[in-house]
């Protein structure tokens, strides 16, 4: 929501104080894509950290923190 507001203020026509519908749609798409790109890996790390304690000891990843979980996930599976 914060990024959408920034784009909205930047792309609003100062003379008429309006923003065309196409720009609103593009601002929403950009904001949603950035939110998903940031939020999805963090959510996956949270779920993996919670599930790690239920795995057998030999299969546990023993994450130290969210940063460690994200680091191990990107090393093992790549950024994609």
C-alpha atoms as a PDB file:
ATOM      1  CA  UNK A   1       0.000   0.000   0.000  1.00  0.00           C
ATOM      2  CA  UNK A   2       2.881   2.357   0.679  1.00  0.00           C
ATOM      3  CA  UNK A   3       4.423   1.913  -2.757  1.00  0.00           C
ATOM      4  CA  UNK A   4       1.052   2.439  -4.413  1.00  0.00           C
ATOM      5  CA  UNK A   5       0.663   5.721  -2.554  1.00  0.00           C
ATOM      6  CA  UNK A   6       4.127   6.873  -3.659  1.00  0.00           C
ATOM      7  CA  UNK A   7       3.380   6.016  -7.294  1.00  0.00           C
ATOM      8  CA  UNK A   8      -0.041   7.634  -7.033  1.00  0.00           C
ATOM      9  CA  UNK A   9       1.439  10.927  -5.851  1.00  0.00           C
ATOM     10  CA  UNK A  10       4.203  10.780  -8.462  1.00  0.00           C
ATOM     11  CA  UNK A  11       1.898   9.972 -11.408  1.00  0.00           C
ATOM     12  CA  UNK A  12      -1.018  12.261 -10.509  1.00  0.00           C
ATOM     13  CA  UNK A  13      -1.394  15.216 -12.856  1.00  0.00           C
ATOM     14  CA  UNK A  14      -0.727  18.313 -10.708  1.00  0.00           C
ATOM     15  CA  UNK A  15      -2.946  20.565 -12.848  1.00  0.00           C
ATOM     16  CA  UNK A  16      -6.105  18.469 -12.673  1.00  0.00           C
ATOM     17  CA  UNK A  17      -5.181  16.488  -9.534  1.00  0.00           C
ATOM     18  CA  UNK A  18      -6.377  13.289 -11.235  1.00  0.00           C
ATOM     19  CA  UNK A  19      -4.726  10.043 -12.213  1.00  0.00           C
ATOM     20  CA  UNK A  20      -5.791   8.119 -15.324  1.00  0.00           C
ATOM     21  CA  UNK A  21      -7.201   4.623 -14.811  1.00  0.00           C
ATOM     22  CA  UNK A  22      -4.368   3.009 -16.784  1.00  0.00           C
ATOM     23  CA  UNK A  23      -1.780   4.525 -14.439  1.00  0.00           C
ATOM     24  CA  UNK A  24      -3.771   3.351 -11.420  1.00  0.00           C
ATOM     25  CA  UNK A  25      -3.787  -0.182 -12.806  1.00  0.00           C
ATOM     26  CA  UNK A  26      -0.051  -0.097 -13.536  1.00  0.00           C
ATOM     27  CA  UNK A  27       0.681   1.315 -10.070  1.00  0.00           C
ATOM     28  CA  UNK A  28      -1.374  -1.490  -8.519  1.00  0.00           C
ATOM     29  CA  UNK A  29       0.403  -4.146 -10.579  1.00  0.00           C
ATOM     30  CA  UNK A  30       3.844  -2.804  -9.685  1.00  0.00           C
ATOM     31  CA  UNK A  31       2.962  -2.523  -5.998  1.00  0.00           C
ATOM     32  CA  UNK A  32       1.520  -6.030  -5.936  1.00  0.00           C
ATOM     33  CA  UNK A  33       4.534  -7.519  -7.702  1.00  0.00           C
ATOM     34  CA  UNK A  34       6.984  -5.892  -5.306  1.00  0.00           C
ATOM     35  CA  UNK A  35       4.890  -6.976  -2.321  1.00  0.00           C
ATOM     36  CA  UNK A  36       4.751 -10.561  -3.560  1.00  0.00           C
ATOM     37  CA  UNK A  37       8.491 -10.620  -4.330  1.00  0.00           C
ATOM     38  CA  UNK A  38       9.286  -9.511  -0.786  1.00  0.00           C
ATOM     39  CA  UNK A  39       6.518 -11.241   1.149  1.00  0.00           C
ATOM     40  CA  UNK A  40       6.471 -14.678  -0.449  1.00  0.00           C
ATOM     41  CA  UNK A  41      10.058 -15.736   0.420  1.00  0.00           C
ATOM     42  CA  UNK A  42       9.609 -14.458   3.960  1.00  0.00           C
ATOM     43  CA  UNK A  43       6.394 -16.459   4.319  1.00  0.00           C
ATOM     44  CA  UNK A  44       8.059 -19.607   2.964  1.00  0.00           C
ATOM     45  CA  UNK A  45      10.937 -19.131   5.431  1.00  0.00           C
ATOM     46  CA  UNK A  46       8.467 -18.777   8.310  1.00  0.00           C
ATOM     47  CA  UNK A  47       6.616 -21.971   7.354  1.00  0.00           C
ATOM     48  CA  UNK A  48       9.869 -23.905   6.934  1.00  0.00           C
ATOM     49  CA  UNK A  49      11.159 -22.718  10.286  1.00  0.00           C
ATOM     50  CA  UNK A  50       7.935 -23.799  11.985  1.00  0.00           C
ATOM     51  CA  UNK A  51       7.936 -27.191  10.262  1.00  0.00           C
ATOM     52  CA  UNK A  52      11.634 -27.839  10.895  1.00  0.00           C
ATOM     53  CA  UNK A  53      11.003 -28.933  14.481  1.00  0.00           C
ATOM     54  CA  UNK A  54       8.606 -31.650  13.336  1.00  0.00           C
ATOM     55  CA  UNK A  55      11.100 -33.294  10.983  1.00  0.00           C
ATOM     56  CA  UNK A  56      13.220 -36.233  12.087  1.00  0.00           C
ATOM     57  CA  UNK A  57      16.531 -35.068  13.562  1.00  0.00           C
ATOM     58  CA  UNK A  58      18.582 -36.203  10.548  1.00  0.00           C
ATOM     59  CA  UNK A  59      16.389 -34.201   8.157  1.00  0.00           C
ATOM     60  CA  UNK A  60      16.254 -30.955  10.128  1.00  0.00           C
ATOM     61  CA  UNK A  61      17.807 -27.846   8.641  1.00  0.00           C
ATOM     62  CA  UNK A  62      18.333 -26.142  12.037  1.00  0.00           C
ATOM     63  CA  UNK A  63      17.752 -22.584  10.872  1.00  0.00           C
ATOM     64  CA  UNK A  64      19.315 -19.979  13.156  1.00  0.00           C
ATOM     65  CA  UNK A  65      17.206 -17.043  11.954  1.00  0.00           C
ATOM     66  CA  UNK A  66      15.012 -15.861   9.097  1.00  0.00           C
ATOM     67  CA  UNK A  67      18.095 -14.532   7.288  1.00  0.00           C
ATOM     68  CA  UNK A  68      19.760 -17.944   7.679  1.00  0.00           C
ATOM     69  CA  UNK A  69      16.625 -19.664   6.366  1.00  0.00           C
ATOM     70  CA  UNK A  70      16.455 -17.371   3.329  1.00  0.00           C
ATOM     71  CA  UNK A  71      20.179 -17.876   2.721  1.00  0.00           C
ATOM     72  CA  UNK A  72      19.945 -21.676   2.907  1.00  0.00           C
ATOM     73  CA  UNK A  73      16.859 -21.706   0.670  1.00  0.00           C
ATOM     74  CA  UNK A  74      18.551 -19.585  -1.992  1.00  0.00           C
ATOM     75  CA  UNK A  75      21.710 -21.737  -1.882  1.00  0.00           C
ATOM     76  CA  UNK A  76      19.807 -25.014  -2.096  1.00  0.00           C
ATOM     77  CA  UNK A  77      17.079 -24.084  -4.559  1.00  0.00           C
ATOM     78  CA  UNK A  78      18.298 -20.895  -6.168  1.00  0.00           C
ATOM     79  CA  UNK A  79      16.444 -17.610  -6.277  1.00  0.00           C
ATOM     80  CA  UNK A  80      13.825 -18.903  -8.715  1.00  0.00           C
END
